[in-house]
Amino acid sequence: SQAAETLQVIRTLMERAVLYRRALAPAMWFAGAGAAGGMLSAWSLRIQSTGGFVGWWGMVGGLTVLFSMIWMRREALRDREPFWTLPARRVAFSMLPALVAGAGLGVVTWLVHPGLIQWLPGLWMILYGSALHAGGFFLARGIRWLGWLFIVLGLAAVAQAGTGGLSRLYVADEVARCHGVMGAVFGGVHLVYAAYLSLTESRSVL
């Protein structure tokens, strides 16, 4: 019974590869634009506390997930297909542990170690990349490569952050720099991947 269920999941995922790919490009555009806009807005609003940083980027990430779910549901309804299917649940649940760990890490940094905020962007990149890689086993291979890219960039960001604790006197300056890292990496990488998906989708149509 379990083997039959697994086979059915694989078959359904293969049948919906085009649907997932078509819905993925707009989600990536939104994620990239949201991250870039989030960076500029955070600088403009002078969000300079650790709590503000965690809350702000939690909101940006939550809106991105919400948009992605709404868009994929729209695509499924347009193609007269069910949305919250067993394959969709497999993808979501495979990504969930790393995403929950990232959210929890942000809260712990805010409440317990606010002076160590310089580590947070890199660790978020690593966990987000791990979530993409886990979900990529049920989707296109490119998602797994995107996950690896975030992991590598996250490791580079952690290495750049250094090993020493940051004095709270400089938290405001560090928060501003972290906004820039989030906007540059999450915004830039998502926008580049969205452009790649759009270009290859156009070529496949032609």
N, C-alpha and C. Protein backbone atom coordinates (compact mmCIF):
# COMPACT_ATOMS: atom_id res chain seq x y z
N SER A 1 0.82 -1.20 0.00
CA SER A 1 0.00 0.00 0.00
C SER A 1 0.87 1.26 0.00
N GLN A 2 1.93 1.25 0.81
CA GLN A 2 2.82 2.41 0.85
C GLN A 2 3.55 2.61 -0.47
N ALA A 3 3.96 1.51 -1.10
CA ALA A 3 4.64 1.60 -2.40
C ALA A 3 3.70 2.16 -3.46
N ALA A 4 2.44 1.73 -3.43
CA ALA A 4 1.46 2.23 -4.39
C ALA A 4 1.21 3.72 -4.19
N GLU A 5 1.15 4.13 -2.91
CA GLU A 5 0.94 5.55 -2.61
C GLU A 5 2.11 6.38 -3.10
N THR A 6 3.33 5.90 -2.87
CA THR A 6 4.52 6.62 -3.33
C THR A 6 4.55 6.72 -4.84
N LEU A 7 4.19 5.65 -5.53
CA LEU A 7 4.14 5.66 -6.99
C LEU A 7 3.12 6.67 -7.49
N GLN A 8 1.99 6.76 -6.80
CA GLN A 8 0.96 7.71 -7.21
C GLN A 8 1.43 9.15 -7.01
N VAL A 9 2.16 9.39 -5.93
CA VAL A 9 2.70 10.73 -5.68
C VAL A 9 3.68 11.12 -6.78
N ILE A 10 4.57 10.20 -7.14
CA ILE A 10 5.55 10.47 -8.20
C ILE A 10 4.85 10.75 -9.52
N ARG A 11 3.86 9.95 -9.84
CA ARG A 11 3.12 10.13 -11.10
C ARG A 11 2.43 11.49 -11.12
N THR A 12 1.80 11.86 -10.02
CA THR A 12 1.09 13.14 -9.98
C THR A 12 2.06 14.31 -10.09
N LEU A 13 3.20 14.21 -9.43
CA LEU A 13 4.20 15.28 -9.53
C LEU A 13 4.71 15.44 -10.95
N MET A 14 4.94 14.34 -11.64
CA MET A 14 5.40 14.42 -13.02
C MET A 14 4.34 15.06 -13.90
N GLU A 15 3.08 14.73 -13.66
CA GLU A 15 2.00 15.30 -14.46
C GLU A 15 1.84 16.80 -14.22
N ARG A 16 2.22 17.26 -13.02
CA ARG A 16 2.01 18.66 -12.68
C ARG A 16 3.29 19.48 -12.75
N ALA A 17 4.31 18.95 -13.35
CA ALA A 17 5.58 19.67 -13.41
C ALA A 17 5.43 21.02 -14.09
N VAL A 18 4.65 21.06 -15.16
CA VAL A 18 4.44 22.32 -15.89
C VAL A 18 3.68 23.31 -15.03
N LEU A 19 2.67 22.82 -14.29
CA LEU A 19 1.90 23.70 -13.42
C LEU A 19 2.78 24.32 -12.34
N TYR A 20 3.59 23.50 -11.69
CA TYR A 20 4.46 24.00 -10.64
C TYR A 20 5.47 25.00 -11.20
N ARG A 21 6.02 24.70 -12.36
CA ARG A 21 7.01 25.60 -12.95
C ARG A 21 6.39 26.94 -13.33
N ARG A 22 5.18 26.90 -13.88
CA ARG A 22 4.50 28.12 -14.27
C ARG A 22 4.17 28.99 -13.05
N ALA A 23 3.80 28.36 -11.95
CA ALA A 23 3.47 29.11 -10.74
C ALA A 23 4.71 29.58 -10.01
N LEU A 24 5.84 28.90 -10.24
CA LEU A 24 7.06 29.22 -9.50
C LEU A 24 7.67 30.54 -9.94
N ALA A 25 7.66 30.84 -11.22
CA ALA A 25 8.28 32.07 -11.71
C ALA A 25 7.66 33.32 -11.09
N PRO A 26 6.32 33.47 -11.08
CA PRO A 26 5.75 34.65 -10.41
C PRO A 26 6.07 34.71 -8.93
N ALA A 27 6.10 33.54 -8.27
CA ALA A 27 6.44 33.53 -6.85
C ALA A 27 7.87 34.03 -6.63
N MET A 28 8.78 33.65 -7.53
CA MET A 28 10.16 34.10 -7.41
C MET A 28 10.28 35.60 -7.69
N TRP A 29 9.52 36.10 -8.66
CA TRP A 29 9.52 37.55 -8.91
C TRP A 29 9.06 38.30 -7.67
N PHE A 30 7.98 37.80 -7.05
CA PHE A 30 7.44 38.46 -5.87
C PHE A 30 8.43 38.40 -4.72
N ALA A 31 9.07 37.24 -4.52
CA ALA A 31 10.04 37.09 -3.44
C ALA A 31 11.22 38.03 -3.63
N GLY A 32 11.72 38.12 -4.85
CA GLY A 32 12.86 39.00 -5.12
C GLY A 32 12.50 40.47 -4.94
N ALA A 33 11.37 40.86 -5.52
CA ALA A 33 10.95 42.25 -5.38
C ALA A 33 10.60 42.58 -3.93
N GLY A 34 10.00 41.61 -3.23
CA GLY A 34 9.66 41.84 -1.83
C GLY A 34 10.89 42.01 -0.97
N ALA A 35 11.93 41.21 -1.21
CA ALA A 35 13.16 41.32 -0.43
C ALA A 35 13.86 42.65 -0.70
N ALA A 36 13.95 43.02 -1.98
CA ALA A 36 14.58 44.30 -2.33
C ALA A 36 13.80 45.47 -1.75
N GLY A 37 12.46 45.41 -1.90
CA GLY A 37 11.63 46.46 -1.34
C GLY A 37 11.68 46.49 0.18
N GLY A 38 11.77 45.29 0.78
CA GLY A 38 11.88 45.22 2.23
C GLY A 38 13.15 45.87 2.75
N MET A 39 14.24 45.69 2.03
CA MET A 39 15.50 46.31 2.41
C MET A 39 15.39 47.84 2.35
N LEU A 40 14.90 48.34 1.23
CA LEU A 40 14.80 49.80 1.06
C LEU A 40 13.83 50.41 2.06
N SER A 41 12.70 49.71 2.31
CA SER A 41 11.72 50.22 3.26
C SER A 41 12.27 50.21 4.68
N ALA A 42 13.02 49.15 5.02
CA ALA A 42 13.61 49.08 6.37
C ALA A 42 14.60 50.20 6.59
N TRP A 43 15.40 50.50 5.58
CA TRP A 43 16.32 51.62 5.70
C TRP A 43 15.57 52.94 5.83
N SER A 44 14.52 53.10 5.02
CA SER A 44 13.75 54.34 5.05
C SER A 44 13.05 54.54 6.39
N LEU A 45 12.51 53.44 6.95
CA LEU A 45 11.79 53.51 8.23
C LEU A 45 12.73 53.49 9.43
N ARG A 46 14.02 53.31 9.17
CA ARG A 46 15.03 53.27 10.23
C ARG A 46 14.72 52.19 11.27
N ILE A 47 14.50 50.99 10.77
CA ILE A 47 14.30 49.84 11.66
C ILE A 47 15.68 49.40 12.13
N GLN A 48 16.03 49.69 13.39
CA GLN A 48 17.40 49.54 13.86
C GLN A 48 17.54 48.62 15.07
N SER A 49 16.45 47.99 15.49
CA SER A 49 16.52 47.08 16.63
C SER A 49 16.48 45.63 16.15
N THR A 50 16.97 44.74 17.00
CA THR A 50 16.95 43.31 16.65
C THR A 50 15.52 42.82 16.51
N GLY A 51 14.65 43.22 17.44
CA GLY A 51 13.25 42.82 17.35
C GLY A 51 12.58 43.34 16.09
N GLY A 52 12.88 44.59 15.74
CA GLY A 52 12.33 45.15 14.51
C GLY A 52 12.81 44.41 13.29
N PHE A 53 14.08 44.03 13.29
CA PHE A 53 14.64 43.28 12.16
C PHE A 53 13.95 41.94 12.00
N VAL A 54 13.82 41.21 13.10
CA VAL A 54 13.19 39.88 13.05
C VAL A 54 11.73 39.99 12.64
N GLY A 55 11.01 40.95 13.22
CA GLY A 55 9.60 41.12 12.87
C GLY A 55 9.39 41.57 11.44
N TRP A 56 10.25 42.47 10.98
CA TRP A 56 10.11 43.00 9.62
C TRP A 56 10.32 41.91 8.58
N TRP A 57 11.42 41.15 8.73
CA TRP A 57 11.70 40.13 7.72
C TRP A 57 10.81 38.91 7.88
N GLY A 58 10.28 38.70 9.10
CA GLY A 58 9.25 37.68 9.26
C GLY A 58 8.00 38.03 8.48
N MET A 59 7.63 39.32 8.50
CA MET A 59 6.47 39.77 7.74
C MET A 59 6.71 39.64 6.24
N VAL A 60 7.90 40.04 5.78
CA VAL A 60 8.22 39.91 4.35
C VAL A 60 8.16 38.46 3.91
N GLY A 61 8.74 37.55 4.71
CA GLY A 61 8.72 36.14 4.37
C GLY A 61 7.32 35.57 4.41
N GLY A 62 6.52 35.98 5.40
CA GLY A 62 5.15 35.48 5.48
C GLY A 62 4.30 35.91 4.30
N LEU A 63 4.45 37.17 3.88
CA LEU A 63 3.71 37.64 2.71
C LEU A 63 4.13 36.90 1.45
N THR A 64 5.41 36.58 1.35
CA THR A 64 5.89 35.84 0.19
C THR A 64 5.27 34.45 0.13
N VAL A 65 5.24 33.77 1.27
CA VAL A 65 4.62 32.43 1.32
C VAL A 65 3.13 32.52 1.00
N LEU A 66 2.46 33.53 1.55
CA LEU A 66 1.03 33.70 1.30
C LEU A 66 0.75 33.93 -0.18
N PHE A 67 1.54 34.81 -0.80
CA PHE A 67 1.37 35.06 -2.23
C PHE A 67 1.59 33.80 -3.04
N SER A 68 2.62 33.04 -2.71
CA SER A 68 2.92 31.82 -3.45
C SER A 68 1.78 30.84 -3.36
N MET A 69 1.20 30.67 -2.16
CA MET A 69 0.08 29.75 -1.99
C MET A 69 -1.14 30.21 -2.79
N ILE A 70 -1.42 31.53 -2.74
CA ILE A 70 -2.56 32.06 -3.48
C ILE A 70 -2.36 31.88 -4.98
N TRP A 71 -1.15 32.14 -5.46
CA TRP A 71 -0.89 32.03 -6.90
C TRP A 71 -1.00 30.58 -7.37
N MET A 72 -0.44 29.65 -6.60
CA MET A 72 -0.52 28.24 -7.00
C MET A 72 -1.95 27.74 -6.96
N ARG A 73 -2.72 28.21 -5.99
CA ARG A 73 -4.13 27.83 -5.95
C ARG A 73 -4.87 28.39 -7.16
N ARG A 74 -4.53 29.63 -7.54
CA ARG A 74 -5.14 30.24 -8.74
C ARG A 74 -4.83 29.42 -9.98
N GLU A 75 -3.56 28.99 -10.12
CA GLU A 75 -3.19 28.19 -11.27
C GLU A 75 -3.91 26.84 -11.27
N ALA A 76 -4.04 26.24 -10.08
CA ALA A 76 -4.73 24.96 -9.99
C ALA A 76 -6.21 25.11 -10.36
N LEU A 77 -6.85 26.17 -9.89
CA LEU A 77 -8.26 26.39 -10.22
C LEU A 77 -8.44 26.65 -11.71
N ARG A 78 -7.50 27.38 -12.31
CA ARG A 78 -7.60 27.67 -13.73
C ARG A 78 -7.50 26.40 -14.57
N ASP A 79 -6.66 25.46 -14.09
CA ASP A 79 -6.51 24.19 -14.79
C ASP A 79 -7.48 23.13 -14.29
N ARG A 80 -8.40 23.55 -13.40
CA ARG A 80 -9.42 22.65 -12.84
C ARG A 80 -8.77 21.44 -12.15
N GLU A 81 -7.78 21.75 -11.33
CA GLU A 81 -7.09 20.71 -10.58
C GLU A 81 -7.20 21.00 -9.10
N PRO A 82 -7.22 19.97 -8.25
CA PRO A 82 -7.21 20.19 -6.80
C PRO A 82 -5.90 20.83 -6.37
N PHE A 83 -5.96 21.60 -5.29
CA PHE A 83 -4.77 22.33 -4.85
C PHE A 83 -4.02 21.60 -3.74
N TRP A 84 -4.67 21.35 -2.60
CA TRP A 84 -3.99 20.77 -1.44
C TRP A 84 -4.00 19.24 -1.55
N THR A 85 -3.27 18.75 -2.53
CA THR A 85 -3.21 17.31 -2.79
C THR A 85 -2.13 16.65 -1.93
N LEU A 86 -2.04 15.34 -2.01
CA LEU A 86 -0.99 14.61 -1.29
C LEU A 86 0.40 15.05 -1.73
N PRO A 87 0.69 15.20 -3.02
CA PRO A 87 2.02 15.70 -3.42
C PRO A 87 2.31 17.10 -2.88
N ALA A 88 1.29 17.99 -2.90
CA ALA A 88 1.49 19.34 -2.37
C ALA A 88 1.81 19.29 -0.88
N ARG A 89 1.14 18.41 -0.17
CA ARG A 89 1.42 18.27 1.26
C ARG A 89 2.83 17.72 1.49
N ARG A 90 3.27 16.80 0.63
CA ARG A 90 4.63 16.26 0.77
C ARG A 90 5.66 17.37 0.60
N VAL A 91 5.46 18.23 -0.39
CA VAL A 91 6.39 19.34 -0.62
C VAL A 91 6.41 20.28 0.58
N ALA A 92 5.21 20.66 1.05
CA ALA A 92 5.12 21.61 2.16
C ALA A 92 5.73 21.04 3.43
N PHE A 93 5.42 19.81 3.74
CA PHE A 93 5.91 19.22 4.99
C PHE A 93 7.41 18.94 4.94
N SER A 94 7.95 18.70 3.74
CA SER A 94 9.39 18.49 3.64
C SER A 94 10.17 19.78 3.89
N MET A 95 9.56 20.92 3.55
CA MET A 95 10.22 22.21 3.75
C MET A 95 9.98 22.78 5.14
N LEU A 96 8.95 22.31 5.81
CA LEU A 96 8.51 22.93 7.05
C LEU A 96 9.55 22.92 8.17
N PRO A 97 10.26 21.82 8.45
CA PRO A 97 11.20 21.83 9.59
C PRO A 97 12.25 22.93 9.50
N ALA A 98 12.87 23.10 8.33
CA ALA A 98 13.90 24.13 8.20
C ALA A 98 13.31 25.52 8.33
N LEU A 99 12.10 25.74 7.80
CA LEU A 99 11.47 27.05 7.89
C LEU A 99 11.09 27.37 9.33
N VAL A 100 10.57 26.38 10.06
CA VAL A 100 10.23 26.59 11.46
C VAL A 100 11.50 26.87 12.28
N ALA A 101 12.58 26.15 11.96
CA ALA A 101 13.85 26.39 12.66
C ALA A 101 14.34 27.81 12.43
N GLY A 102 14.18 28.31 11.20
CA GLY A 102 14.58 29.68 10.91
C GLY A 102 13.77 30.70 11.70
N ALA A 103 12.44 30.47 11.76
CA ALA A 103 11.60 31.38 12.54
C ALA A 103 11.97 31.34 14.02
N GLY A 104 12.17 30.13 14.54
CA GLY A 104 12.55 30.00 15.94
C GLY A 104 13.89 30.63 16.25
N LEU A 105 14.82 30.50 15.32
CA LEU A 105 16.14 31.11 15.50
C LEU A 105 16.05 32.63 15.57
N GLY A 106 15.17 33.19 14.76
CA GLY A 106 14.97 34.63 14.80
C GLY A 106 14.43 35.09 16.15
N VAL A 107 13.46 34.36 16.67
CA VAL A 107 12.86 34.71 17.96
C VAL A 107 13.89 34.59 19.08
N VAL A 108 14.69 33.51 19.06
CA VAL A 108 15.71 33.31 20.08
C VAL A 108 16.75 34.43 20.04
N THR A 109 17.16 34.80 18.82
CA THR A 109 18.13 35.90 18.68
C THR A 109 17.56 37.19 19.25
N TRP A 110 16.32 37.45 18.95
CA TRP A 110 15.66 38.67 19.42
C TRP A 110 15.56 38.70 20.94
N LEU A 111 15.09 37.60 21.55
CA LEU A 111 14.79 37.60 22.97
C LEU A 111 16.00 37.29 23.85
N VAL A 112 16.95 36.50 23.35
CA VAL A 112 18.04 36.01 24.19
C VAL A 112 19.38 36.63 23.82
N HIS A 113 19.67 36.73 22.51
CA HIS A 113 20.99 37.20 22.08
C HIS A 113 20.86 38.32 21.04
N PRO A 114 20.26 39.44 21.39
CA PRO A 114 20.06 40.51 20.39
C PRO A 114 21.36 41.08 19.84
N GLY A 115 22.45 40.97 20.61
CA GLY A 115 23.72 41.50 20.13
C GLY A 115 24.43 40.64 19.12
N LEU A 116 23.85 39.46 18.82
CA LEU A 116 24.47 38.54 17.86
C LEU A 116 23.70 38.51 16.54
N ILE A 117 23.07 39.61 16.22
CA ILE A 117 22.22 39.65 15.03
C ILE A 117 23.02 39.46 13.75
N GLN A 118 24.32 39.74 13.78
CA GLN A 118 25.12 39.62 12.55
C GLN A 118 25.15 38.20 12.02
N TRP A 119 24.84 37.20 12.86
CA TRP A 119 24.82 35.82 12.42
C TRP A 119 23.52 35.46 11.69
N LEU A 120 22.47 36.21 11.99
CA LEU A 120 21.13 35.78 11.59
C LEU A 120 20.92 35.67 10.08
N PRO A 121 21.31 36.67 9.25
CA PRO A 121 21.07 36.52 7.81
C PRO A 121 21.71 35.27 7.22
N GLY A 122 22.95 34.98 7.59
CA GLY A 122 23.61 33.80 7.05
C GLY A 122 22.93 32.51 7.48
N LEU A 123 22.53 32.43 8.75
CA LEU A 123 21.84 31.23 9.22
C LEU A 123 20.48 31.07 8.56
N TRP A 124 19.80 32.17 8.34
CA TRP A 124 18.52 32.11 7.61
C TRP A 124 18.74 31.61 6.18
N MET A 125 19.79 32.06 5.54
CA MET A 125 20.08 31.58 4.18
C MET A 125 20.32 30.07 4.17
N ILE A 126 21.07 29.58 5.14
CA ILE A 126 21.38 28.14 5.19
C ILE A 126 20.09 27.34 5.39
N LEU A 127 19.24 27.77 6.31
CA LEU A 127 18.01 27.04 6.58
C LEU A 127 17.02 27.15 5.41
N TYR A 128 16.96 28.32 4.80
CA TYR A 128 16.08 28.47 3.63
C TYR A 128 16.57 27.61 2.48
N GLY A 129 17.89 27.58 2.27
CA GLY A 129 18.44 26.71 1.24
C GLY A 129 18.16 25.26 1.52
N SER A 130 18.23 24.85 2.79
CA SER A 130 17.92 23.47 3.15
C SER A 130 16.46 23.15 2.87
N ALA A 131 15.56 24.11 3.14
CA ALA A 131 14.14 23.91 2.85
C ALA A 131 13.91 23.75 1.35
N LEU A 132 14.55 24.60 0.55
CA LEU A 132 14.41 24.49 -0.91
C LEU A 132 14.94 23.15 -1.41
N HIS A 133 16.08 22.72 -0.86
CA HIS A 133 16.66 21.45 -1.30
C HIS A 133 15.75 20.28 -0.95
N ALA A 134 15.14 20.33 0.23
CA ALA A 134 14.23 19.26 0.63
C ALA A 134 13.00 19.23 -0.28
N GLY A 135 12.42 20.40 -0.54
CA GLY A 135 11.27 20.46 -1.43
C GLY A 135 11.63 20.14 -2.86
N GLY A 136 12.88 20.38 -3.24
CA GLY A 136 13.31 20.15 -4.61
C GLY A 136 13.29 18.70 -5.03
N PHE A 137 13.29 17.78 -4.07
CA PHE A 137 13.21 16.36 -4.42
C PHE A 137 11.85 16.00 -5.00
N PHE A 138 10.86 16.87 -4.76
CA PHE A 138 9.52 16.63 -5.30
C PHE A 138 9.21 17.56 -6.47
N LEU A 139 10.14 18.48 -6.78
CA LEU A 139 9.90 19.46 -7.83
C LEU A 139 11.03 19.39 -8.86
N ALA A 140 11.28 20.51 -9.53
CA ALA A 140 12.31 20.55 -10.55
C ALA A 140 13.70 20.50 -9.93
N ARG A 141 14.66 19.98 -10.67
CA ARG A 141 16.03 19.87 -10.17
C ARG A 141 16.64 21.23 -9.89
N GLY A 142 16.22 22.25 -10.64
CA GLY A 142 16.77 23.59 -10.43
C GLY A 142 16.54 24.12 -9.03
N ILE A 143 15.46 23.70 -8.37
CA ILE A 143 15.20 24.15 -7.01
C ILE A 143 16.28 23.64 -6.06
N ARG A 144 16.75 22.42 -6.28
CA ARG A 144 17.81 21.88 -5.42
C ARG A 144 19.10 22.68 -5.60
N TRP A 145 19.42 23.05 -6.85
CA TRP A 145 20.61 23.87 -7.09
C TRP A 145 20.44 25.24 -6.45
N LEU A 146 19.24 25.79 -6.51
CA LEU A 146 18.99 27.07 -5.85
C LEU A 146 19.18 26.94 -4.34
N GLY A 147 18.73 25.83 -3.79
CA GLY A 147 18.95 25.59 -2.37
C GLY A 147 20.42 25.55 -2.01
N TRP A 148 21.22 24.85 -2.83
CA TRP A 148 22.66 24.80 -2.58
C TRP A 148 23.29 26.18 -2.67
N LEU A 149 22.82 27.00 -3.59
CA LEU A 149 23.37 28.36 -3.72
C LEU A 149 23.12 29.15 -2.45
N PHE A 150 21.91 29.06 -1.90
CA PHE A 150 21.62 29.77 -0.65
C PHE A 150 22.46 29.23 0.50
N ILE A 151 22.69 27.93 0.53
CA ILE A 151 23.52 27.36 1.59
C ILE A 151 24.95 27.89 1.50
N VAL A 152 25.51 27.92 0.29
CA VAL A 152 26.88 28.42 0.11
C VAL A 152 26.96 29.91 0.48
N LEU A 153 25.99 30.69 0.02
CA LEU A 153 26.00 32.12 0.36
C LEU A 153 25.80 32.32 1.86
N GLY A 154 24.99 31.47 2.47
CA GLY A 154 24.80 31.56 3.91
C GLY A 154 26.07 31.28 4.68
N LEU A 155 26.80 30.26 4.24
CA LEU A 155 28.08 29.95 4.89
C LEU A 155 29.06 31.11 4.74
N ALA A 156 29.07 31.74 3.56
CA ALA A 156 29.94 32.89 3.34
C ALA A 156 29.55 34.05 4.26
N ALA A 157 28.23 34.25 4.42
CA ALA A 157 27.77 35.33 5.29
C ALA A 157 28.12 35.06 6.75
N VAL A 158 28.00 33.80 7.18
CA VAL A 158 28.37 33.46 8.54
C VAL A 158 29.86 33.65 8.76
N ALA A 159 30.67 33.23 7.79
CA ALA A 159 32.12 33.41 7.90
C ALA A 159 32.47 34.89 7.98
N GLN A 160 31.77 35.70 7.21
CA GLN A 160 32.06 37.14 7.21
C GLN A 160 31.64 37.79 8.53
N ALA A 161 30.62 37.22 9.17
CA ALA A 161 30.13 37.82 10.41
C ALA A 161 31.15 37.73 11.53
N GLY A 162 32.07 36.78 11.44
CA GLY A 162 33.10 36.66 12.47
C GLY A 162 32.67 35.78 13.61
N THR A 163 33.50 35.68 14.60
CA THR A 163 33.24 34.77 15.72
C THR A 163 32.95 35.49 17.02
N GLY A 164 33.22 36.76 17.10
CA GLY A 164 33.04 37.48 18.36
C GLY A 164 31.65 38.04 18.49
N GLY A 165 31.20 38.24 19.73
CA GLY A 165 29.91 38.87 19.98
C GLY A 165 29.99 40.36 19.66
N LEU A 166 28.89 40.93 19.29
CA LEU A 166 28.84 42.35 18.91
C LEU A 166 28.37 43.17 20.10
N SER A 167 29.05 44.22 20.40
CA SER A 167 28.63 45.10 21.49
C SER A 167 27.29 45.72 21.14
N ARG A 168 26.42 45.84 22.13
CA ARG A 168 25.09 46.40 21.88
C ARG A 168 25.15 47.87 21.45
N LEU A 169 26.27 48.52 21.68
CA LEU A 169 26.39 49.89 21.25
C LEU A 169 26.34 50.01 19.73
N TYR A 170 26.65 48.92 19.03
CA TYR A 170 26.72 48.96 17.57
C TYR A 170 25.60 48.15 16.92
N VAL A 171 24.59 47.76 17.68
CA VAL A 171 23.52 46.95 17.13
C VAL A 171 22.79 47.69 16.01
N ALA A 172 22.54 48.98 16.18
CA ALA A 172 21.80 49.73 15.16
C ALA A 172 22.53 49.70 13.82
N ASP A 173 23.85 49.91 13.84
CA ASP A 173 24.63 49.87 12.60
C ASP A 173 24.62 48.46 12.01
N GLU A 174 24.70 47.46 12.87
CA GLU A 174 24.71 46.08 12.38
C GLU A 174 23.37 45.70 11.78
N VAL A 175 22.28 46.17 12.36
CA VAL A 175 20.96 45.89 11.81
C VAL A 175 20.83 46.48 10.41
N ALA A 176 21.32 47.69 10.21
CA ALA A 176 21.28 48.32 8.89
C ALA A 176 22.06 47.49 7.87
N ARG A 177 23.22 46.98 8.28
CA ARG A 177 24.00 46.14 7.38
C ARG A 177 23.27 44.83 7.07
N CYS A 178 22.62 44.27 8.09
CA CYS A 178 21.89 43.01 7.89
C CYS A 178 20.71 43.19 6.94
N HIS A 179 20.05 44.35 7.01
CA HIS A 179 19.00 44.65 6.03
C HIS A 179 19.58 44.59 4.61
N GLY A 180 20.75 45.16 4.45
CA GLY A 180 21.38 45.15 3.13
C GLY A 180 21.72 43.76 2.66
N VAL A 181 22.23 42.92 3.56
CA VAL A 181 22.55 41.53 3.20
C VAL A 181 21.29 40.78 2.79
N MET A 182 20.22 40.94 3.55
CA MET A 182 18.96 40.25 3.23
C MET A 182 18.42 40.69 1.87
N GLY A 183 18.42 42.00 1.64
CA GLY A 183 17.90 42.49 0.37
C GLY A 183 18.75 42.09 -0.81
N ALA A 184 20.08 42.14 -0.65
CA ALA A 184 20.98 41.81 -1.75
C ALA A 184 20.91 40.33 -2.11
N VAL A 185 20.95 39.46 -1.10
CA VAL A 185 21.00 38.02 -1.39
C VAL A 185 19.61 37.47 -1.73
N PHE A 186 18.64 37.65 -0.83
CA PHE A 186 17.31 37.10 -1.10
C PHE A 186 16.66 37.81 -2.28
N GLY A 187 16.86 39.12 -2.39
CA GLY A 187 16.30 39.82 -3.53
C GLY A 187 17.00 39.47 -4.83
N GLY A 188 18.33 39.56 -4.83
CA GLY A 188 19.09 39.32 -6.06
C GLY A 188 18.96 37.91 -6.58
N VAL A 189 19.11 36.92 -5.71
CA VAL A 189 19.06 35.52 -6.16
C VAL A 189 17.67 35.16 -6.68
N HIS A 190 16.63 35.58 -5.98
CA HIS A 190 15.28 35.27 -6.45
C HIS A 190 14.96 35.94 -7.79
N LEU A 191 15.40 37.17 -7.95
CA LEU A 191 15.13 37.87 -9.21
C LEU A 191 15.86 37.22 -10.38
N VAL A 192 17.10 36.82 -10.16
CA VAL A 192 17.86 36.15 -11.22
C VAL A 192 17.20 34.82 -11.58
N TYR A 193 16.79 34.06 -10.58
CA TYR A 193 16.17 32.76 -10.86
C TYR A 193 14.80 32.96 -11.53
N ALA A 194 14.07 34.00 -11.13
CA ALA A 194 12.79 34.29 -11.78
C ALA A 194 13.00 34.63 -13.25
N ALA A 195 14.03 35.43 -13.54
CA ALA A 195 14.32 35.77 -14.94
C ALA A 195 14.69 34.52 -15.73
N TYR A 196 15.45 33.62 -15.13
CA TYR A 196 15.82 32.36 -15.80
C TYR A 196 14.58 31.52 -16.08
N LEU A 197 13.67 31.41 -15.11
CA LEU A 197 12.46 30.63 -15.33
C LEU A 197 11.59 31.24 -16.42
N SER A 198 11.47 32.57 -16.41
CA SER A 198 10.66 33.24 -17.43
C SER A 198 11.25 33.07 -18.80
N LEU A 199 12.58 33.16 -18.91
CA LEU A 199 13.24 33.03 -20.21
C LEU A 199 13.10 31.62 -20.76
N THR A 200 13.34 30.62 -19.92
CA THR A 200 13.24 29.25 -20.40
C THR A 200 11.80 28.85 -20.68
N GLU A 201 10.85 29.42 -19.93
CA GLU A 201 9.43 29.15 -20.20
C GLU A 201 9.03 29.72 -21.55
N SER A 202 9.55 30.94 -21.85
CA SER A 202 9.24 31.56 -23.16
C SER A 202 9.82 30.73 -24.29
N ARG A 203 11.02 30.23 -24.12
CA ARG A 203 11.64 29.41 -25.16
C ARG A 203 10.87 28.11 -25.38
N SER A 204 10.36 27.53 -24.25
CA SER A 204 9.62 26.28 -24.41
C SER A 204 8.32 26.50 -25.14
N VAL A 205 7.71 27.72 -24.92
CA VAL A 205 6.47 28.04 -25.64
C VAL A 205 6.75 28.22 -27.12
N LEU A 206 7.88 28.93 -27.45
CA LEU A 206 8.22 29.13 -28.84
C LEU A 206 8.59 27.82 -29.51
